[in-house]
N, C-alpha and C. Protein backbone atom coordinates (compact mmCIF):
# COMPACT_ATOMS: atom_id res chain seq x y z
N MET A 1 -39.06 13.17 -5.68
CA MET A 1 -39.07 11.92 -5.22
C MET A 1 -38.49 11.03 -6.28
N ASN A 2 -39.30 11.19 -7.72
CA ASN A 2 -38.48 10.08 -9.07
C ASN A 2 -37.17 10.74 -9.05
N LYS A 3 -36.74 12.02 -8.86
CA LYS A 3 -35.41 12.53 -9.15
C LYS A 3 -34.73 11.78 -8.17
N ILE A 4 -34.87 11.80 -7.00
CA ILE A 4 -33.87 11.02 -6.06
C ILE A 4 -33.75 9.52 -6.46
N PHE A 5 -34.92 8.68 -6.86
CA PHE A 5 -35.25 7.32 -6.90
C PHE A 5 -34.14 6.85 -8.03
N PHE A 6 -34.34 7.97 -9.14
CA PHE A 6 -33.37 7.52 -10.24
C PHE A 6 -31.86 7.83 -10.32
N GLY A 7 -31.77 8.98 -8.88
CA GLY A 7 -30.38 9.19 -8.94
C GLY A 7 -29.80 8.15 -8.26
N VAL A 8 -30.42 7.41 -6.94
CA VAL A 8 -29.61 6.62 -6.40
C VAL A 8 -29.07 5.34 -7.30
N LEU A 9 -30.39 5.05 -8.04
CA LEU A 9 -30.45 4.13 -9.34
C LEU A 9 -29.22 4.14 -10.37
N PHE A 10 -28.97 5.38 -10.29
CA PHE A 10 -27.43 5.72 -11.27
C PHE A 10 -26.51 5.20 -10.52
N PHE A 11 -26.25 6.06 -9.38
CA PHE A 11 -25.48 5.42 -8.54
C PHE A 11 -25.02 4.14 -8.53
N VAL A 12 -26.04 3.38 -8.29
CA VAL A 12 -26.03 1.90 -7.91
C VAL A 12 -25.67 1.64 -9.17
N PHE A 13 -26.08 1.89 -10.46
CA PHE A 13 -25.96 1.27 -11.92
C PHE A 13 -24.25 1.35 -12.24
N ILE A 14 -23.64 2.70 -11.67
CA ILE A 14 -22.22 2.69 -12.07
C ILE A 14 -21.48 2.24 -11.07
N GLY A 15 -21.83 2.19 -9.99
CA GLY A 15 -21.03 1.34 -9.01
C GLY A 15 -21.07 -0.33 -9.54
N PHE A 16 -22.19 -0.67 -9.88
CA PHE A 16 -22.12 -2.20 -10.45
C PHE A 16 -21.64 -1.95 -11.36
N LYS A 17 -21.34 -1.11 -12.62
CA LYS A 17 -20.80 -1.22 -13.85
C LYS A 17 -19.33 -1.53 -13.77
N ASN A 18 -18.68 -0.81 -12.51
CA ASN A 18 -17.26 -0.73 -12.30
C ASN A 18 -17.00 -2.27 -11.64
N SER A 19 -17.79 -2.69 -11.08
CA SER A 19 -17.31 -3.80 -10.20
C SER A 19 -17.24 -5.13 -11.23
N VAL A 20 -18.34 -4.78 -12.47
CA VAL A 20 -18.47 -5.90 -12.93
C VAL A 20 -17.55 -5.96 -14.44
N SER A 21 -17.00 -4.65 -14.52
CA SER A 21 -16.40 -4.37 -16.02
C SER A 21 -15.32 -4.47 -15.91
N GLY A 22 -14.49 -4.45 -15.14
CA GLY A 22 -12.63 -4.67 -14.91
C GLY A 22 -12.47 -5.31 -13.36
N GLN A 23 -11.26 -4.97 -13.42
CA GLN A 23 -11.03 -5.70 -11.91
C GLN A 23 -10.46 -4.39 -11.11
N ASN A 24 -10.51 -4.12 -9.90
CA ASN A 24 -10.06 -2.99 -9.16
C ASN A 24 -8.60 -3.23 -8.93
N VAL A 25 -7.75 -2.50 -8.06
CA VAL A 25 -6.77 -2.60 -7.94
C VAL A 25 -6.46 -3.53 -7.06
N LYS A 26 -5.50 -4.46 -7.33
CA LYS A 26 -5.11 -5.78 -6.21
C LYS A 26 -4.29 -5.40 -5.41
N PHE A 27 -4.27 -5.67 -4.35
CA PHE A 27 -3.30 -5.04 -3.24
C PHE A 27 -2.53 -6.23 -2.68
N ASN A 28 -1.30 -6.55 -2.54
CA ASN A 28 -0.70 -7.18 -1.17
C ASN A 28 -1.00 -6.34 -0.16
N LYS A 29 -1.31 -7.12 1.22
CA LYS A 29 -1.38 -6.27 2.06
C LYS A 29 -0.61 -6.96 3.42
N ASN A 30 0.08 -5.95 4.02
CA ASN A 30 0.98 -6.22 4.93
C ASN A 30 0.82 -6.93 6.16
N GLN A 31 -0.60 -7.66 6.07
CA GLN A 31 -0.92 -9.00 6.96
C GLN A 31 -0.61 -9.92 6.13
N GLU A 32 -0.32 -10.06 5.13
CA GLU A 32 -0.25 -11.46 4.23
C GLU A 32 1.14 -11.64 3.73
N ILE A 33 1.74 -10.65 3.20
CA ILE A 33 3.44 -10.29 2.98
C ILE A 33 3.89 -9.09 3.68
N SER A 34 5.31 -9.57 3.34
CA SER A 34 6.06 -8.44 4.25
C SER A 34 6.45 -7.37 3.15
N PHE A 35 7.05 -6.30 3.77
CA PHE A 35 7.65 -5.32 3.14
C PHE A 35 8.88 -6.02 2.18
N ALA A 36 9.93 -6.75 2.39
CA ALA A 36 11.10 -7.21 2.49
C ALA A 36 10.35 -8.22 0.86
N GLU A 37 9.38 -8.82 0.97
CA GLU A 37 9.10 -10.01 0.00
C GLU A 37 8.21 -8.97 -0.89
N VAL A 38 7.97 -7.96 -0.70
CA VAL A 38 7.40 -7.25 -2.03
C VAL A 38 8.18 -6.59 -2.73
N LEU A 39 9.32 -5.87 -1.82
CA LEU A 39 10.79 -5.31 -2.62
C LEU A 39 11.21 -6.51 -3.26
N LYS A 40 11.51 -7.71 -3.04
CA LYS A 40 11.87 -8.92 -3.97
C LYS A 40 10.85 -9.20 -5.00
N MET A 41 9.61 -8.94 -5.19
CA MET A 41 8.66 -9.27 -6.16
C MET A 41 9.10 -8.18 -7.26
N ALA A 42 9.17 -6.97 -6.48
CA ALA A 42 9.48 -5.59 -7.71
C ALA A 42 10.57 -6.03 -8.24
N GLU A 43 11.59 -6.24 -7.75
CA GLU A 43 13.02 -6.58 -8.33
C GLU A 43 12.98 -7.79 -9.45
N LYS A 44 12.14 -8.67 -9.06
CA LYS A 44 11.82 -9.98 -9.81
C LYS A 44 11.21 -9.84 -11.40
N GLU A 45 10.06 -8.68 -10.80
CA GLU A 45 9.13 -8.28 -12.14
C GLU A 45 9.49 -6.91 -12.63
N ASN A 46 10.71 -6.18 -12.29
CA ASN A 46 11.03 -5.08 -12.49
C ASN A 46 10.53 -4.01 -12.79
N LYS A 47 9.30 -3.69 -11.52
CA LYS A 47 8.49 -2.53 -10.98
C LYS A 47 8.48 -2.06 -10.09
N LEU A 48 7.89 -0.80 -10.14
CA LEU A 48 7.79 -0.33 -9.06
C LEU A 48 6.97 -0.78 -8.00
N VAL A 49 6.99 -0.21 -6.95
CA VAL A 49 6.18 -0.73 -5.58
C VAL A 49 5.41 0.80 -5.79
N PHE A 50 3.94 0.15 -5.48
CA PHE A 50 2.75 1.70 -5.17
C PHE A 50 2.45 1.16 -3.58
N MET A 51 2.89 2.05 -2.85
CA MET A 51 2.24 1.75 -1.36
C MET A 51 0.87 2.61 -1.03
N ASP A 52 0.42 1.95 -0.75
CA ASP A 52 -0.75 2.74 0.04
C ASP A 52 -0.87 2.60 1.28
N VAL A 53 -0.73 3.74 2.02
CA VAL A 53 -0.39 3.74 3.83
C VAL A 53 -1.02 4.45 3.95
N TYR A 54 -2.25 3.60 5.14
CA TYR A 54 -3.62 4.09 5.45
C TYR A 54 -3.82 3.76 6.85
N THR A 55 -4.66 4.28 7.65
CA THR A 55 -5.36 3.72 9.03
C THR A 55 -6.68 3.13 8.56
N THR A 56 -7.12 2.62 9.46
CA THR A 56 -8.61 2.08 9.98
C THR A 56 -9.71 3.19 10.23
N TRP A 57 -9.21 4.15 11.14
CA TRP A 57 -9.88 5.57 10.90
C TRP A 57 -10.25 6.29 10.26
N CYS A 58 -9.37 6.34 8.76
CA CYS A 58 -9.02 7.38 7.81
C CYS A 58 -10.39 7.63 6.99
N GLY A 59 -11.37 8.14 6.96
CA GLY A 59 -12.33 8.75 6.09
C GLY A 59 -11.27 8.56 4.82
N PRO A 60 -10.85 9.51 4.20
CA PRO A 60 -10.24 9.44 2.88
C PRO A 60 -9.67 8.43 2.41
N CYS A 61 -9.02 7.97 3.32
CA CYS A 61 -8.37 6.09 2.82
C CYS A 61 -9.72 5.10 2.30
N LYS A 62 -10.89 5.49 2.84
CA LYS A 62 -11.76 4.30 2.74
C LYS A 62 -12.49 4.95 1.23
N LEU A 63 -12.30 6.40 1.33
CA LEU A 63 -13.24 6.98 0.32
C LEU A 63 -12.32 6.49 -1.06
N MET A 64 -10.64 6.30 -0.86
CA MET A 64 -10.18 6.39 -2.17
C MET A 64 -10.55 4.30 -2.28
N ASP A 65 -10.29 3.80 -1.51
CA ASP A 65 -11.14 2.21 -1.71
C ASP A 65 -12.25 2.07 -2.08
N LYS A 66 -13.04 3.01 -1.79
CA LYS A 66 -14.52 2.54 -2.54
C LYS A 66 -14.53 3.57 -3.93
N THR A 67 -13.94 4.24 -4.27
CA THR A 67 -13.95 4.86 -5.74
C THR A 67 -12.89 4.78 -6.69
N THR A 68 -11.74 5.69 -6.10
CA THR A 68 -10.32 5.30 -7.34
C THR A 68 -10.02 4.15 -7.51
N PHE A 69 -9.75 3.39 -6.37
CA PHE A 69 -9.22 1.88 -6.20
C PHE A 69 -9.88 0.90 -6.91
N ALA A 70 -11.59 1.23 -6.75
CA ALA A 70 -12.17 0.47 -7.38
C ALA A 70 -12.87 0.76 -8.70
N ASP A 71 -12.03 1.32 -9.53
CA ASP A 71 -12.63 1.86 -10.72
C ASP A 71 -11.36 1.12 -11.40
N SER A 72 -12.10 0.57 -12.62
CA SER A 72 -11.14 -0.65 -13.47
C SER A 72 -10.43 -0.40 -14.33
N THR A 73 -10.31 1.44 -15.05
CA THR A 73 -9.45 1.72 -15.02
C THR A 73 -7.95 1.63 -14.60
N VAL A 74 -8.05 2.54 -13.62
CA VAL A 74 -6.96 2.50 -12.03
C VAL A 74 -6.55 0.68 -12.31
N GLY A 75 -7.20 -0.15 -11.69
CA GLY A 75 -7.28 -1.34 -11.56
C GLY A 75 -5.81 -1.84 -13.04
N LYS A 76 -6.37 -1.46 -14.39
CA LYS A 76 -5.79 -1.98 -15.08
C LYS A 76 -4.09 -1.78 -15.45
N VAL A 77 -3.98 -0.14 -14.94
CA VAL A 77 -2.69 0.37 -15.06
C VAL A 77 -2.09 -0.21 -13.69
N PHE A 78 -2.57 -0.26 -12.29
CA PHE A 78 -1.80 -0.60 -11.75
C PHE A 78 -1.62 -1.93 -11.51
N ASN A 79 -2.35 -2.50 -11.49
CA ASN A 79 -1.98 -3.93 -11.36
C ASN A 79 -1.33 -4.41 -12.75
N GLU A 80 -0.84 -3.89 -14.02
CA GLU A 80 0.06 -4.51 -15.02
C GLU A 80 1.45 -3.64 -14.65
N LYS A 81 1.42 -2.24 -14.14
CA LYS A 81 2.59 -1.61 -14.01
C LYS A 81 3.14 -2.04 -12.65
N PHE A 82 2.85 -2.00 -11.84
CA PHE A 82 2.97 -1.85 -10.45
C PHE A 82 3.01 -2.95 -9.10
N ILE A 83 3.83 -3.02 -8.12
CA ILE A 83 3.38 -4.24 -7.29
C ILE A 83 2.68 -3.57 -6.33
N ASN A 84 1.38 -3.41 -6.18
CA ASN A 84 0.77 -2.60 -5.22
C ASN A 84 0.72 -3.21 -3.71
N PHE A 85 1.10 -2.47 -2.84
CA PHE A 85 1.13 -2.86 -1.43
C PHE A 85 0.59 -1.97 -0.57
N LYS A 86 -0.56 -2.13 0.60
CA LYS A 86 -1.48 -1.98 0.95
C LYS A 86 -1.13 -2.03 2.54
N VAL A 87 -0.56 -1.12 3.47
CA VAL A 87 -0.01 -0.79 4.60
C VAL A 87 -0.66 -0.20 5.62
N ASN A 88 -0.96 -0.75 6.74
CA ASN A 88 -1.91 0.02 7.59
C ASN A 88 -0.77 0.73 9.09
N GLY A 89 -0.82 1.80 8.64
CA GLY A 89 0.43 2.36 9.31
C GLY A 89 0.65 2.31 10.53
N GLU A 90 -0.81 1.89 11.40
CA GLU A 90 -0.86 1.36 12.65
C GLU A 90 -0.22 -0.05 13.29
N ASP A 91 -0.07 -0.83 12.48
CA ASP A 91 0.22 -2.14 12.83
C ASP A 91 1.98 -2.20 13.05
N ALA A 92 2.55 -3.14 13.32
CA ALA A 92 3.84 -3.39 13.84
C ALA A 92 4.72 -3.16 12.45
N GLU A 93 4.71 -3.50 11.33
CA GLU A 93 5.54 -3.44 10.03
C GLU A 93 4.96 -1.75 9.79
N GLY A 94 3.73 -1.39 9.51
CA GLY A 94 3.59 -0.31 9.08
C GLY A 94 4.14 1.06 10.09
N VAL A 95 4.03 0.53 11.37
CA VAL A 95 5.21 2.03 12.41
C VAL A 95 6.49 1.99 11.85
N ASN A 96 6.90 0.90 11.35
CA ASN A 96 8.20 0.90 11.02
C ASN A 96 8.44 1.27 9.52
N ILE A 97 7.59 1.55 8.62
CA ILE A 97 7.34 2.13 7.41
C ILE A 97 7.43 3.69 7.43
N VAL A 98 6.16 3.96 8.73
CA VAL A 98 5.85 4.96 8.45
C VAL A 98 7.08 6.18 9.23
N LYS A 99 7.90 5.37 10.03
CA LYS A 99 8.78 6.58 10.39
C LYS A 99 9.80 6.26 9.42
N LYS A 100 10.43 5.29 8.73
CA LYS A 100 11.25 5.35 7.62
C LYS A 100 10.68 6.30 6.97
N TYR A 101 9.75 6.64 6.11
CA TYR A 101 9.20 7.37 5.11
C TYR A 101 8.90 8.70 5.28
N ARG A 102 8.83 8.86 6.81
CA ARG A 102 8.22 10.39 7.47
C ARG A 102 6.60 10.61 7.21
N ILE A 103 5.82 9.29 7.09
CA ILE A 103 4.77 9.81 6.62
C ILE A 103 3.78 10.18 8.02
N ASN A 104 3.37 11.29 7.80
CA ASN A 104 2.11 12.28 8.89
C ASN A 104 0.86 12.38 8.19
N ALA A 105 0.44 12.11 7.49
CA ALA A 105 -0.69 12.41 6.68
C ALA A 105 -1.15 11.02 6.34
N TYR A 106 -2.69 10.80 6.31
CA TYR A 106 -3.38 9.37 5.32
C TYR A 106 -4.49 9.92 4.78
N PRO A 107 -4.79 9.23 3.57
CA PRO A 107 -3.54 8.34 2.93
C PRO A 107 -2.28 8.75 2.33
N THR A 108 -1.41 8.18 2.53
CA THR A 108 0.03 8.74 1.78
C THR A 108 0.25 7.42 0.85
N PHE A 109 0.76 7.81 -0.53
CA PHE A 109 0.76 6.67 -1.67
C PHE A 109 2.08 7.22 -1.92
N ILE A 110 3.24 6.13 -1.43
CA ILE A 110 4.74 6.06 -2.15
C ILE A 110 4.85 5.15 -3.47
N PHE A 111 5.80 5.72 -4.13
CA PHE A 111 6.05 4.90 -5.29
C PHE A 111 7.23 4.53 -5.00
N LEU A 112 8.01 3.59 -4.62
CA LEU A 112 9.62 3.01 -4.43
C LEU A 112 9.96 1.85 -5.25
N ASP A 113 11.49 1.85 -5.82
CA ASP A 113 11.82 1.50 -6.47
C ASP A 113 12.50 -0.38 -5.99
N SER A 114 12.93 -1.08 -6.65
CA SER A 114 13.05 -2.42 -5.69
C SER A 114 13.92 -2.26 -4.57
N LYS A 115 14.71 -1.48 -4.47
CA LYS A 115 15.91 -1.27 -3.20
C LYS A 115 14.90 -0.23 -2.07
N GLY A 116 13.76 0.22 -2.23
CA GLY A 116 12.78 1.02 -0.84
C GLY A 116 13.17 2.30 -1.14
N GLU A 117 13.99 2.75 -2.44
CA GLU A 117 14.21 4.06 -2.28
C GLU A 117 12.86 5.07 -3.25
N LEU A 118 12.86 5.98 -2.57
CA LEU A 118 11.54 7.00 -2.89
C LEU A 118 11.59 7.74 -4.36
N VAL A 119 10.78 6.99 -5.15
CA VAL A 119 10.62 7.58 -6.75
C VAL A 119 9.84 8.78 -6.49
N ASN A 120 8.43 8.65 -5.96
CA ASN A 120 7.59 9.85 -5.69
C ASN A 120 6.63 9.63 -4.86
N ARG A 121 6.11 10.54 -3.81
CA ARG A 121 5.18 10.52 -3.04
C ARG A 121 3.61 11.35 -2.94
N LEU A 122 2.60 10.90 -2.76
CA LEU A 122 1.50 11.71 -2.68
C LEU A 122 0.97 11.64 -1.39
N GLU A 123 -0.13 12.51 -1.31
CA GLU A 123 -0.70 12.55 -0.11
C GLU A 123 -2.27 13.24 -0.40
N GLY A 124 -3.12 12.27 -0.08
CA GLY A 124 -5.01 12.68 0.28
C GLY A 124 -5.14 11.84 -0.53
N VAL A 125 -6.57 12.42 -1.20
CA VAL A 125 -7.46 11.81 -2.35
C VAL A 125 -7.18 12.15 -3.85
N PHE A 126 -7.58 11.15 -4.33
CA PHE A 126 -6.83 11.70 -5.76
C PHE A 126 -8.11 10.91 -6.87
N PRO A 127 -8.59 11.31 -7.35
CA PRO A 127 -9.85 10.85 -8.69
C PRO A 127 -8.63 10.28 -9.56
N SER A 128 -9.40 9.03 -10.27
CA SER A 128 -9.09 8.00 -11.22
C SER A 128 -7.80 8.65 -12.12
N LYS A 129 -8.32 9.83 -12.69
CA LYS A 129 -7.89 10.31 -13.72
C LYS A 129 -6.15 11.18 -13.49
N LEU A 130 -6.42 11.45 -12.27
CA LEU A 130 -5.21 12.59 -11.62
C LEU A 130 -4.21 11.36 -11.25
N LEU A 131 -4.86 9.85 -9.94
CA LEU A 131 -3.93 8.92 -10.09
C LEU A 131 -3.00 8.48 -11.22
N ILE A 132 -3.79 8.14 -12.15
CA ILE A 132 -2.96 7.74 -13.52
C ILE A 132 -2.16 8.53 -13.90
N GLU A 133 -2.25 9.74 -13.99
CA GLU A 133 -1.11 10.52 -14.67
C GLU A 133 0.15 10.66 -13.64
N GLU A 134 -0.43 10.81 -12.61
CA GLU A 134 0.61 10.61 -11.44
C GLU A 134 1.79 9.87 -11.39
N SER A 135 1.07 8.18 -11.81
CA SER A 135 1.87 7.20 -11.82
C SER A 135 2.71 7.01 -13.06
N GLU A 136 1.98 7.33 -14.36
CA GLU A 136 2.90 7.87 -15.49
C GLU A 136 3.91 8.92 -15.37
N TYR A 137 3.74 9.83 -14.40
CA TYR A 137 4.98 11.02 -14.26
C TYR A 137 5.75 10.37 -13.37
N THR A 138 5.69 9.30 -12.60
CA THR A 138 6.58 8.47 -11.91
C THR A 138 7.11 7.61 -12.50
N MET A 139 6.33 6.86 -13.18
CA MET A 139 7.31 6.03 -14.23
C MET A 139 8.56 6.51 -14.91
N LYS A 140 7.97 7.86 -15.50
CA LYS A 140 8.97 8.46 -16.37
C LYS A 140 10.22 8.71 -15.43
N LEU A 141 9.84 9.25 -13.90
CA LEU A 141 10.89 9.71 -13.06
C LEU A 141 12.00 8.40 -13.40
N TRP A 142 11.25 7.35 -12.85
CA TRP A 142 12.47 6.28 -12.85
C TRP A 142 12.90 5.80 -13.81
N LYS A 143 12.27 5.91 -15.25
CA LYS A 143 12.98 5.69 -16.71
C LYS A 143 14.27 6.63 -16.49
N GLU A 144 13.87 7.90 -16.33
CA GLU A 144 15.25 8.81 -16.29
C GLU A 144 16.39 8.11 -15.20
N SER A 145 15.71 7.84 -14.00
CA SER A 145 16.94 7.76 -13.26
C SER A 145 17.75 6.78 -13.07
N LYS A 146 17.39 5.72 -14.41
CA LYS A 146 18.38 4.52 -14.20
C LYS A 146 19.20 4.55 -15.33
């Protein structure tokens, strides 16, 4: 019984530590800002767009929100280097994005330049370290393509 209590207490502490020690990934949401506006922001700030395409019923999408995107290390990297955009793949603008980028799995993560051109694409659940590594690889691809 004590092992269970301390195990639960440990995970509560880790969750609390992540929530107070830094920022999570801050997303612009397609219900609040248009895709065109996000691309303009990317052009103005000379950044790539990191797009999280999700659905409300997607378990792995919710897991990413609670774990990887809540990690302060991921938040620091993504908030500094990308314009982050969260898109519900089943609402009006989301359906168009799903068609345009041929998304057929959730979650799908897309890295775009300011013209909306695909730089890299990922699908599924990613732990923090791997997502950061993929973002660094994507930045390298983007810089080499300029």
